[in-house]
Amino acid sequence: MTSNSQTSVWSLSKHHGLGNDFLVMIDIEEHFVLSPAQVRAVCDRHKGIGADGVIRVSAPSQGAEVGMELYNADGSRAETSGNGLRCLAQAVVDAGLLPTMGIVPIERPGHMEVAFTVSTVAGIHRVVYSEKRLPSGIREMATARVTMASVLIGAEEPSLSPVGRARSVFIGNPHLVVLHPDLQELDVTALGSDISSSKPEGTNVEFISVAMDEDRLFMRVFERGVGETMACGTGSCAAALAARSWGLCGSTVSVMSPGGELIVDMSGDEVILEGPVQRIGKVEINMPELLAGNG
């Protein structure tokens, strides 16, 4: 899954975490500098491959074992992504990179697990990736646990909520969590865009409601630089932290998005996100041709 700088062919794999999908480029030797126009073209769901973002697996920094650069679908840079980190983990395992770094997976019949660290501009994340395989060798299920690099529960900002309750949360990237009684009828794109644009650098916006058992939250999310997505990993963590600060949930909570369920564990010193990840496939793109075809 390397990229050939001579032919300008991009070799990518596509993965998703609950429908939050990413195109992953393995570029440890850092041959490429991705431009906003290239990212927009490849993420276009009608004229490109389609994705919520592009991840470049790069040389690590800060003493980590792998580096991650993250680009939103609109070509802008993002700090980090919980679902993106899980997709990166699967791509790194599939590419066979870990043995070259001296990282040895724990294997037993039908199961593999491996842990490594990823550097982002938000800090270092620890990822534990595991998968189960059928006797045929087909991957049956893959999950990943991600430790959030930095967490800060911010101020209440009731003026930004249509019902008067909202809180800013920083999970290596900015979020505003808005309590809302009716997620079904909510225009997430319009309201999320308005709230995000009220911030100088924009923000991700999570609209949440709480289940009766207090162990589950329901969430819809507007991601800065993307729009409404099926799920959001850092957004799920932000939602859980805000809800706990309001006394609406405990230390471990299931966050239900349109794409499915993520588990957020806040019981220890670190916030840990856990959920599934699936590889969709591989693709090769002639980037000059794609850009020319998009005008």
C-alpha atoms as a PDB file:
ATOM      1  CA  MET A   1       0.000   0.000   0.000  1.00  0.00           C
ATOM      2  CA  THR A   2       2.778   2.414  -0.817  1.00  0.00           C
ATOM      3  CA  SER A   3       2.353   5.408  -3.095  1.00  0.00           C
ATOM      4  CA  ASN A   4       4.460   5.819  -6.218  1.00  0.00           C
ATOM      5  CA  SER A   5       5.667   9.408  -6.536  1.00  0.00           C
ATOM      6  CA  GLN A   6       6.896   8.820 -10.110  1.00  0.00           C
ATOM      7  CA  THR A   7       3.520   7.844 -11.554  1.00  0.00           C
ATOM      8  CA  SER A   8       1.432   9.879  -9.102  1.00  0.00           C
ATOM      9  CA  VAL A   9      -0.591   6.774  -8.349  1.00  0.00           C
ATOM     10  CA  TRP A  10      -2.126   6.763  -4.896  1.00  0.00           C
ATOM     11  CA  SER A  11      -2.566   3.304  -3.369  1.00  0.00           C
ATOM     12  CA  LEU A  12      -5.121   3.459  -0.587  1.00  0.00           C
ATOM     13  CA  SER A  13      -7.203   1.184   1.559  1.00  0.00           C
ATOM     14  CA  LYS A  14     -10.680   2.142   2.706  1.00  0.00           C
ATOM     15  CA  HIS A  15     -11.980   1.375   6.188  1.00  0.00           C
ATOM     16  CA  HIS A  16     -14.915   2.430   8.320  1.00  0.00           C
ATOM     17  CA  GLY A  17     -15.828   2.588  11.978  1.00  0.00           C
ATOM     18  CA  LEU A  18     -19.630   2.470  12.171  1.00  0.00           C
ATOM     19  CA  GLY A  19     -19.958   4.155   8.773  1.00  0.00           C
ATOM     20  CA  ASN A  20     -17.417   6.893   9.574  1.00  0.00           C
ATOM     21  CA  ASP A  21     -15.155   6.071   6.631  1.00  0.00           C
ATOM     22  CA  PHE A  22     -11.545   6.900   5.807  1.00  0.00           C
ATOM     23  CA  LEU A  23      -9.093   6.366   2.980  1.00  0.00           C
ATOM     24  CA  VAL A  24      -5.699   5.356   4.370  1.00  0.00           C
ATOM     25  CA  MET A  25      -2.357   5.948   2.643  1.00  0.00           C
ATOM     26  CA  ILE A  26       0.750   4.192   3.940  1.00  0.00           C
ATOM     27  CA  ASP A  27       3.577   6.700   3.448  1.00  0.00           C
ATOM     28  CA  ILE A  28       6.148   6.006   6.151  1.00  0.00           C
ATOM     29  CA  GLU A  29       8.934   7.330   3.928  1.00  0.00           C
ATOM     30  CA  GLU A  30       6.893  10.512   3.389  1.00  0.00           C
ATOM     31  CA  HIS A  31       7.037  10.811  -0.379  1.00  0.00           C
ATOM     32  CA  PHE A  32       3.818  12.825  -0.513  1.00  0.00           C
ATOM     33  CA  VAL A  33       2.479  16.143   0.670  1.00  0.00           C
ATOM     34  CA  LEU A  34      -1.297  16.012   0.310  1.00  0.00           C
ATOM     35  CA  SER A  35      -2.989  19.134  -1.013  1.00  0.00           C
ATOM     36  CA  PRO A  36      -6.519  20.248  -0.101  1.00  0.00           C
ATOM     37  CA  ALA A  37      -7.594  19.857  -3.751  1.00  0.00           C
ATOM     38  CA  GLN A  38      -6.339  16.262  -3.869  1.00  0.00           C
ATOM     39  CA  VAL A  39      -8.101  15.366  -0.641  1.00  0.00           C
ATOM     40  CA  ARG A  40     -11.367  16.947  -1.771  1.00  0.00           C
ATOM     41  CA  ALA A  41     -11.197  15.102  -5.092  1.00  0.00           C
ATOM     42  CA  VAL A  42     -10.588  11.676  -3.612  1.00  0.00           C
ATOM     43  CA  CYS A  43     -13.203  12.139  -0.838  1.00  0.00           C
ATOM     44  CA  ASP A  44     -15.920  13.269  -3.291  1.00  0.00           C
ATOM     45  CA  ARG A  45     -18.683  10.656  -3.068  1.00  0.00           C
ATOM     46  CA  HIS A  46     -19.789  11.111  -6.672  1.00  0.00           C
ATOM     47  CA  LYS A  47     -16.648  12.016  -8.630  1.00  0.00           C
ATOM     48  CA  GLY A  48     -14.043  10.386  -6.374  1.00  0.00           C
ATOM     49  CA  ILE A  49     -13.861   7.331  -4.136  1.00  0.00           C
ATOM     50  CA  GLY A  50     -15.808   8.904  -1.298  1.00  0.00           C
ATOM     51  CA  ALA A  51     -14.858   9.205   2.374  1.00  0.00           C
ATOM     52  CA  ASP A  52     -15.193  11.393   5.443  1.00  0.00           C
ATOM     53  CA  GLY A  53     -11.447  11.921   5.400  1.00  0.00           C
ATOM     54  CA  VAL A  54      -7.975  10.808   4.349  1.00  0.00           C
ATOM     55  CA  ILE A  55      -5.369   9.424   6.739  1.00  0.00           C
ATOM     56  CA  ARG A  56      -1.681   9.424   5.863  1.00  0.00           C
ATOM     57  CA  VAL A  57       0.306   6.925   7.915  1.00  0.00           C
ATOM     58  CA  SER A  58       3.600   8.747   8.271  1.00  0.00           C
ATOM     59  CA  ALA A  59       6.893   8.580  10.154  1.00  0.00           C
ATOM     60  CA  PRO A  60       6.208   8.884  13.886  1.00  0.00           C
ATOM     61  CA  SER A  61       7.208  11.647  16.275  1.00  0.00           C
ATOM     62  CA  GLN A  62       7.160  12.132  20.058  1.00  0.00           C
ATOM     63  CA  GLY A  63       8.559   8.635  20.570  1.00  0.00           C
ATOM     64  CA  ALA A  64       5.538   6.854  19.087  1.00  0.00           C
ATOM     65  CA  GLU A  65       5.711   3.908  16.711  1.00  0.00           C
ATOM     66  CA  VAL A  66       3.489   5.230  13.897  1.00  0.00           C
ATOM     67  CA  GLY A  67       2.476   8.728  12.821  1.00  0.00           C
ATOM     68  CA  MET A  68      -0.924   9.920  11.615  1.00  0.00           C
ATOM     69  CA  GLU A  69      -1.857  12.918   9.487  1.00  0.00           C
ATOM     70  CA  LEU A  70      -5.593  13.467   9.168  1.00  0.00           C
ATOM     71  CA  TYR A  71      -7.455  15.437   6.505  1.00  0.00           C
ATOM     72  CA  ASN A  72     -11.173  16.230   6.505  1.00  0.00           C
ATOM     73  CA  ALA A  73     -13.239  15.687   3.374  1.00  0.00           C
ATOM     74  CA  ASP A  74     -13.077  19.415   2.577  1.00  0.00           C
ATOM     75  CA  GLY A  75      -9.261  19.247   2.491  1.00  0.00           C
ATOM     76  CA  SER A  76      -8.680  20.909   5.854  1.00  0.00           C
ATOM     77  CA  ARG A  77      -6.383  19.371   8.450  1.00  0.00           C
ATOM     78  CA  ALA A  78      -7.796  17.794  11.593  1.00  0.00           C
ATOM     79  CA  GLU A  79      -6.040  17.091  14.874  1.00  0.00           C
ATOM     80  CA  THR A  80      -7.165  13.537  15.603  1.00  0.00           C
ATOM     81  CA  SER A  81     -10.037  11.068  15.209  1.00  0.00           C
ATOM     82  CA  GLY A  82     -11.117   8.151  17.381  1.00  0.00           C
ATOM     83  CA  ASN A  83     -12.667   6.250  14.481  1.00  0.00           C
ATOM     84  CA  GLY A  84      -9.799   7.269  12.220  1.00  0.00           C
ATOM     85  CA  LEU A  85      -7.256   5.838  14.651  1.00  0.00           C
ATOM     86  CA  ARG A  86      -9.082   2.515  14.632  1.00  0.00           C
ATOM     87  CA  CYS A  87      -9.083   2.524  10.826  1.00  0.00           C
ATOM     88  CA  LEU A  88      -5.375   3.391  10.812  1.00  0.00           C
ATOM     89  CA  ALA A  89      -4.684   0.470  13.155  1.00  0.00           C
ATOM     90  CA  GLN A  90      -6.326  -1.998  10.798  1.00  0.00           C
ATOM     91  CA  ALA A  91      -4.528  -0.550   7.779  1.00  0.00           C
ATOM     92  CA  VAL A  92      -1.165  -0.785   9.542  1.00  0.00           C
ATOM     93  CA  VAL A  93      -1.795  -4.409  10.517  1.00  0.00           C
ATOM     94  CA  ASP A  94      -2.982  -5.312   7.002  1.00  0.00           C
ATOM     95  CA  ALA A  95       0.103  -3.689   5.474  1.00  0.00           C
ATOM     96  CA  GLY A  96       2.396  -5.840   7.621  1.00  0.00           C
ATOM     97  CA  LEU A  97       4.221  -2.840   9.080  1.00  0.00           C
ATOM     98  CA  LEU A  98       4.360  -3.884  12.712  1.00  0.00           C
ATOM     99  CA  PRO A  99       6.976  -6.667  12.454  1.00  0.00           C
ATOM    100  CA  THR A 100       9.344  -4.192  10.781  1.00  0.00           C
ATOM    101  CA  MET A 101       9.039  -2.043  13.919  1.00  0.00           C
ATOM    102  CA  GLY A 102       9.742  -4.938  16.246  1.00  0.00           C
ATOM    103  CA  ILE A 103       6.106  -5.086  17.411  1.00  0.00           C
ATOM    104  CA  VAL A 104       4.991  -8.698  17.864  1.00  0.00           C
ATOM    105  CA  PRO A 105       1.251  -9.448  17.924  1.00  0.00           C
ATOM    106  CA  ILE A 106      -0.173 -11.875  20.467  1.00  0.00           C
ATOM    107  CA  GLU A 107      -1.664 -14.726  18.487  1.00  0.00           C
ATOM    108  CA  ARG A 108      -3.720 -17.753  19.351  1.00  0.00           C
ATOM    109  CA  PRO A 109      -5.988 -19.881  17.136  1.00  0.00           C
ATOM    110  CA  GLY A 110      -8.530 -17.617  15.468  1.00  0.00           C
ATOM    111  CA  HIS A 111      -7.461 -14.476  17.312  1.00  0.00           C
ATOM    112  CA  MET A 112      -4.780 -11.790  17.097  1.00  0.00           C
ATOM    113  CA  GLU A 113      -4.142  -8.745  19.258  1.00  0.00           C
ATOM    114  CA  VAL A 114      -1.488  -6.055  19.015  1.00  0.00           C
ATOM    115  CA  ALA A 115      -0.794  -2.755  20.782  1.00  0.00           C
ATOM    116  CA  PHE A 116       1.169   0.240  19.538  1.00  0.00           C
ATOM    117  CA  THR A 117       1.327   4.013  19.814  1.00  0.00           C
ATOM    118  CA  VAL A 118       0.360   6.652  17.258  1.00  0.00           C
ATOM    119  CA  SER A 119       1.578  10.253  17.185  1.00  0.00           C
ATOM    120  CA  THR A 120      -0.809  13.002  16.088  1.00  0.00           C
ATOM    121  CA  VAL A 121      -0.726  16.778  16.413  1.00  0.00           C
ATOM    122  CA  ALA A 122      -3.038  16.252  19.410  1.00  0.00           C
ATOM    123  CA  GLY A 123      -0.506  13.999  21.165  1.00  0.00           C
ATOM    124  CA  ILE A 124       0.186  10.285  21.450  1.00  0.00           C
ATOM    125  CA  HIS A 125      -2.584   7.698  21.391  1.00  0.00           C
ATOM    126  CA  ARG A 126      -2.258   4.082  22.465  1.00  0.00           C
ATOM    127  CA  VAL A 127      -4.179   1.672  20.233  1.00  0.00           C
ATOM    128  CA  VAL A 128      -5.002  -1.960  20.997  1.00  0.00           C
ATOM    129  CA  TYR A 129      -6.233  -3.717  17.856  1.00  0.00           C
ATOM    130  CA  SER A 130      -7.719  -7.217  17.845  1.00  0.00           C
ATOM    131  CA  GLU A 131      -9.379  -9.414  15.280  1.00  0.00           C
ATOM    132  CA  LYS A 132     -11.031 -12.797  15.081  1.00  0.00           C
ATOM    133  CA  ARG A 133     -10.699 -15.010  12.030  1.00  0.00           C
ATOM    134  CA  LEU A 134     -12.745 -17.944  10.818  1.00  0.00           C
ATOM    135  CA  PRO A 135     -10.948 -21.246  10.047  1.00  0.00           C
ATOM    136  CA  SER A 136     -11.056 -20.182   6.389  1.00  0.00           C
ATOM    137  CA  GLY A 137      -8.855 -17.199   7.269  1.00  0.00           C
ATOM    138  CA  ILE A 138     -11.619 -14.661   6.617  1.00  0.00           C
ATOM    139  CA  ARG A 139     -11.718 -11.855   9.170  1.00  0.00           C
ATOM    140  CA  GLU A 140     -14.863 -12.329  11.235  1.00  0.00           C
ATOM    141  CA  MET A 141     -14.636  -9.262  13.462  1.00  0.00           C
ATOM    142  CA  ALA A 142     -12.128  -6.533  14.263  1.00  0.00           C
ATOM    143  CA  THR A 143     -12.202  -4.031  17.106  1.00  0.00           C
ATOM    144  CA  ALA A 144      -9.845  -1.434  18.487  1.00  0.00           C
ATOM    145  CA  ARG A 145      -9.479   0.425  21.769  1.00  0.00           C
ATOM    146  CA  VAL A 146      -8.021   3.911  21.615  1.00  0.00           C
ATOM    147  CA  THR A 147      -6.730   6.014  24.498  1.00  0.00           C
ATOM    148  CA  MET A 148      -7.499   9.684  24.049  1.00  0.00           C
ATOM    149  CA  ALA A 149      -4.373  11.870  24.044  1.00  0.00           C
ATOM    150  CA  SER A 150      -5.746  14.880  25.935  1.00  0.00           C
ATOM    151  CA  VAL A 151      -9.055  15.734  27.562  1.00  0.00           C
ATOM    152  CA  LEU A 152     -10.381  19.047  28.875  1.00  0.00           C
ATOM    153  CA  ILE A 153     -13.965  19.662  29.944  1.00  0.00           C
ATOM    154  CA  GLY A 154     -14.688  23.253  29.094  1.00  0.00           C
ATOM    155  CA  ALA A 155     -17.263  25.863  29.951  1.00  0.00           C
ATOM    156  CA  GLU A 156     -21.028  25.797  29.697  1.00  0.00           C
ATOM    157  CA  GLU A 157     -22.193  27.681  26.601  1.00  0.00           C
ATOM    158  CA  PRO A 158     -26.006  27.752  26.885  1.00  0.00           C
ATOM    159  CA  SER A 159     -26.388  30.519  24.320  1.00  0.00           C
ATOM    160  CA  LEU A 160     -25.307  28.060  21.586  1.00  0.00           C
ATOM    161  CA  SER A 161     -28.023  25.532  22.401  1.00  0.00           C
ATOM    162  CA  PRO A 162     -31.628  25.794  21.193  1.00  0.00           C
ATOM    163  CA  VAL A 163     -32.733  24.371  24.547  1.00  0.00           C
ATOM    164  CA  GLY A 164     -30.158  26.141  26.720  1.00  0.00           C
ATOM    165  CA  ARG A 165     -27.711  23.381  27.629  1.00  0.00           C
ATOM    166  CA  ALA A 166     -24.342  22.990  25.922  1.00  0.00           C
ATOM    167  CA  ARG A 167     -20.749  22.431  27.016  1.00  0.00           C
ATOM    168  CA  SER A 168     -17.441  22.678  25.220  1.00  0.00           C
ATOM    169  CA  VAL A 169     -15.101  19.676  25.474  1.00  0.00           C
ATOM    170  CA  PHE A 170     -11.585  19.288  24.085  1.00  0.00           C
ATOM    171  CA  ILE A 171     -10.444  15.761  23.105  1.00  0.00           C
ATOM    172  CA  GLY A 172      -7.338  16.784  21.217  1.00  0.00           C
ATOM    173  CA  ASN A 173      -9.830  18.522  18.906  1.00  0.00           C
ATOM    174  CA  PRO A 174     -12.697  20.911  19.740  1.00  0.00           C
ATOM    175  CA  HIS A 175     -16.288  19.854  20.438  1.00  0.00           C
ATOM    176  CA  LEU A 176     -19.495  21.419  21.629  1.00  0.00           C
ATOM    177  CA  VAL A 177     -21.987  18.970  23.147  1.00  0.00           C
ATOM    178  CA  VAL A 178     -25.622  20.071  22.962  1.00  0.00           C
ATOM    179  CA  LEU A 179     -28.399  18.383  24.928  1.00  0.00           C
ATOM    180  CA  HIS A 180     -31.479  18.066  22.736  1.00  0.00           C
ATOM    181  CA  PRO A 181     -34.788  16.243  23.375  1.00  0.00           C
ATOM    182  CA  ASP A 182     -35.611  15.277  19.780  1.00  0.00           C
ATOM    183  CA  LEU A 183     -32.746  14.026  17.633  1.00  0.00           C
ATOM    184  CA  GLN A 184     -35.030  12.538  14.989  1.00  0.00           C
ATOM    185  CA  GLU A 185     -36.447  15.834  13.748  1.00  0.00           C
ATOM    186  CA  LEU A 186     -33.236  17.818  14.183  1.00  0.00           C
ATOM    187  CA  ASP A 187     -31.607  19.458  11.158  1.00  0.00           C
ATOM    188  CA  VAL A 188     -28.069  18.507  12.186  1.00  0.00           C
ATOM    189  CA  THR A 189     -26.412  19.963   9.102  1.00  0.00           C
ATOM    190  CA  ALA A 190     -27.998  23.408   9.379  1.00  0.00           C
ATOM    191  CA  LEU A 191     -27.784  23.805  13.151  1.00  0.00           C
ATOM    192  CA  GLY A 192     -24.361  22.180  13.400  1.00  0.00           C
ATOM    193  CA  SER A 193     -22.985  24.420  10.679  1.00  0.00           C
ATOM    194  CA  ASP A 194     -24.361  27.534  12.392  1.00  0.00           C
ATOM    195  CA  ILE A 195     -22.850  26.561  15.750  1.00  0.00           C
ATOM    196  CA  SER A 196     -19.509  25.567  14.231  1.00  0.00           C
ATOM    197  CA  SER A 197     -19.209  28.810  12.269  1.00  0.00           C
ATOM    198  CA  SER A 198     -19.758  30.796  15.470  1.00  0.00           C
ATOM    199  CA  LYS A 199     -16.337  29.590  16.649  1.00  0.00           C
ATOM    200  CA  PRO A 200     -13.214  31.248  15.171  1.00  0.00           C
ATOM    201  CA  GLU A 201     -11.713  27.913  14.068  1.00  0.00           C
ATOM    202  CA  GLY A 202     -14.946  25.942  13.946  1.00  0.00           C
ATOM    203  CA  THR A 203     -15.925  23.031  16.164  1.00  0.00           C
ATOM    204  CA  ASN A 204     -17.433  19.578  16.012  1.00  0.00           C
ATOM    205  CA  VAL A 205     -20.986  19.562  17.353  1.00  0.00           C
ATOM    206  CA  GLU A 206     -22.632  16.623  19.118  1.00  0.00           C
ATOM    207  CA  PHE A 207     -26.386  16.606  19.707  1.00  0.00           C
ATOM    208  CA  ILE A 208     -27.278  14.103  22.424  1.00  0.00           C
ATOM    209  CA  SER A 209     -30.230  12.712  24.313  1.00  0.00           C
ATOM    210  CA  VAL A 210     -30.107  10.336  27.265  1.00  0.00           C
ATOM    211  CA  ALA A 211     -31.704   6.898  27.604  1.00  0.00           C
ATOM    212  CA  MET A 212     -33.772   6.065  30.661  1.00  0.00           C
ATOM    213  CA  ASP A 213     -31.190   3.594  32.012  1.00  0.00           C
ATOM    214  CA  GLU A 214     -28.409   6.248  32.100  1.00  0.00           C
ATOM    215  CA  ASP A 215     -25.953   3.765  30.575  1.00  0.00           C
ATOM    216  CA  ARG A 216     -26.643   4.898  27.008  1.00  0.00           C
ATOM    217  CA  LEU A 217     -26.564   8.140  25.080  1.00  0.00           C
ATOM    218  CA  PHE A 218     -28.027   8.793  21.669  1.00  0.00           C
ATOM    219  CA  MET A 219     -26.000  11.090  19.434  1.00  0.00           C
ATOM    220  CA  ARG A 220     -26.002  12.749  16.044  1.00  0.00           C
ATOM    221  CA  VAL A 221     -22.909  14.661  15.041  1.00  0.00           C
ATOM    222  CA  PHE A 222     -21.807  17.470  12.762  1.00  0.00           C
ATOM    223  CA  GLU A 223     -18.091  17.142  12.035  1.00  0.00           C
ATOM    224  CA  ARG A 224     -16.134  20.252  11.216  1.00  0.00           C
ATOM    225  CA  GLY A 225     -14.887  20.043   7.638  1.00  0.00           C
ATOM    226  CA  VAL A 226     -17.179  17.110   6.782  1.00  0.00           C
ATOM    227  CA  GLY A 227     -20.838  17.628   7.769  1.00  0.00           C
ATOM    228  CA  GLU A 228     -23.103  15.094   9.454  1.00  0.00           C
ATOM    229  CA  THR A 229     -21.419  11.693   9.765  1.00  0.00           C
ATOM    230  CA  MET A 230     -22.673   8.253  10.764  1.00  0.00           C
ATOM    231  CA  ALA A 231     -20.502   8.233  13.897  1.00  0.00           C
ATOM    232  CA  CYS A 232     -17.634  10.099  15.548  1.00  0.00           C
ATOM    233  CA  GLY A 233     -15.124   8.635  17.988  1.00  0.00           C
ATOM    234  CA  THR A 234     -13.836  11.776  19.665  1.00  0.00           C
ATOM    235  CA  GLY A 235     -17.391  13.122  19.526  1.00  0.00           C
ATOM    236  CA  SER A 236     -18.640  10.080  21.435  1.00  0.00           C
ATOM    237  CA  CYS A 237     -16.012  10.732  24.106  1.00  0.00           C
ATOM    238  CA  ALA A 238     -16.960  14.405  24.278  1.00  0.00           C
ATOM    239  CA  ALA A 239     -20.657  13.494  24.545  1.00  0.00           C
ATOM    240  CA  ALA A 240     -19.982  11.040  27.366  1.00  0.00           C
ATOM    241  CA  LEU A 241     -17.812  13.505  29.288  1.00  0.00           C
ATOM    242  CA  ALA A 242     -20.367  16.302  28.994  1.00  0.00           C
ATOM    243  CA  ALA A 243     -23.225  14.007  29.988  1.00  0.00           C
ATOM    244  CA  ARG A 244     -21.300  12.790  33.030  1.00  0.00           C
ATOM    245  CA  SER A 245     -20.532  16.388  34.028  1.00  0.00           C
ATOM    246  CA  TRP A 246     -24.307  16.996  33.984  1.00  0.00           C
ATOM    247  CA  GLY A 247     -24.949  13.891  36.107  1.00  0.00           C
ATOM    248  CA  LEU A 248     -26.731  12.136  33.244  1.00  0.00           C
ATOM    249  CA  CYS A 249     -24.573   9.004  32.981  1.00  0.00           C
ATOM    250  CA  GLY A 250     -21.982   6.961  34.822  1.00  0.00           C
ATOM    251  CA  SER A 251     -18.317   6.292  34.105  1.00  0.00           C
ATOM    252  CA  THR A 252     -18.871   3.795  31.303  1.00  0.00           C
ATOM    253  CA  VAL A 253     -21.428   4.599  28.649  1.00  0.00           C
ATOM    254  CA  SER A 254     -22.660   3.251  25.335  1.00  0.00           C
ATOM    255  CA  VAL A 255     -22.963   5.996  22.722  1.00  0.00           C
ATOM    256  CA  MET A 256     -25.478   5.150  19.995  1.00  0.00           C
ATOM    257  CA  SER A 257     -25.071   6.963  16.670  1.00  0.00           C
ATOM    258  CA  PRO A 258     -26.840   6.273  13.357  1.00  0.00           C
ATOM    259  CA  GLY A 259     -23.904   3.993  12.467  1.00  0.00           C
ATOM    260  CA  GLY A 260     -24.010   1.940  15.661  1.00  0.00           C
ATOM    261  CA  GLU A 261     -22.513   1.675  19.139  1.00  0.00           C
ATOM    262  CA  LEU A 262     -19.234   2.879  20.641  1.00  0.00           C
ATOM    263  CA  ILE A 263     -18.177   2.310  24.245  1.00  0.00           C
ATOM    264  CA  VAL A 264     -16.562   5.137  26.216  1.00  0.00           C
ATOM    265  CA  ASP A 265     -14.795   4.206  29.446  1.00  0.00           C
ATOM    266  CA  MET A 266     -14.119   7.132  31.789  1.00  0.00           C
ATOM    267  CA  SER A 267     -13.513   5.051  34.918  1.00  0.00           C
ATOM    268  CA  GLY A 268      -9.736   5.486  35.005  1.00  0.00           C
ATOM    269  CA  ASP A 269      -7.246   8.278  34.555  1.00  0.00           C
ATOM    270  CA  GLU A 270      -7.633   8.149  30.769  1.00  0.00           C
ATOM    271  CA  VAL A 271     -10.640   8.145  28.469  1.00  0.00           C
ATOM    272  CA  ILE A 272     -10.781   4.996  26.354  1.00  0.00           C
ATOM    273  CA  LEU A 273     -12.883   4.505  23.234  1.00  0.00           C
ATOM    274  CA  GLU A 274     -13.738   1.042  21.912  1.00  0.00           C
ATOM    275  CA  GLY A 275     -15.595  -0.068  18.804  1.00  0.00           C
ATOM    276  CA  PRO A 276     -15.522  -2.082  15.594  1.00  0.00           C
ATOM    277  CA  VAL A 277     -13.567  -1.401  12.419  1.00  0.00           C
ATOM    278  CA  GLN A 278     -13.932  -2.943   8.987  1.00  0.00           C
ATOM    279  CA  ARG A 279     -11.842  -2.867   5.836  1.00  0.00           C
ATOM    280  CA  ILE A 280     -13.887  -2.111   2.733  1.00  0.00           C
ATOM    281  CA  GLY A 281     -11.194  -2.653   0.118  1.00  0.00           C
ATOM    282  CA  LYS A 282      -8.187  -1.278  -1.752  1.00  0.00           C
ATOM    283  CA  VAL A 283      -8.029   1.230  -4.565  1.00  0.00           C
ATOM    284  CA  GLU A 284      -5.428   2.808  -6.831  1.00  0.00           C
ATOM    285  CA  ILE A 285      -5.956   6.335  -8.133  1.00  0.00           C
ATOM    286  CA  ASN A 286      -4.153   8.263 -10.825  1.00  0.00           C
ATOM    287  CA  MET A 287      -4.290  11.623  -9.087  1.00  0.00           C
ATOM    288  CA  PRO A 288      -3.530  13.901 -12.081  1.00  0.00           C
ATOM    289  CA  GLU A 289      -6.248  12.136 -14.041  1.00  0.00           C
ATOM    290  CA  LEU A 290      -8.739  12.444 -11.169  1.00  0.00           C
ATOM    291  CA  LEU A 291      -8.031  16.152 -10.779  1.00  0.00           C
ATOM    292  CA  ALA A 292      -8.309  16.761 -14.531  1.00  0.00           C
ATOM    293  CA  GLY A 293     -11.623  14.907 -14.676  1.00  0.00           C
ATOM    294  CA  ASN A 294     -12.975  17.007 -11.817  1.00  0.00           C
ATOM    295  CA  GLY A 295     -12.162  20.186 -13.717  1.00  0.00           C
END
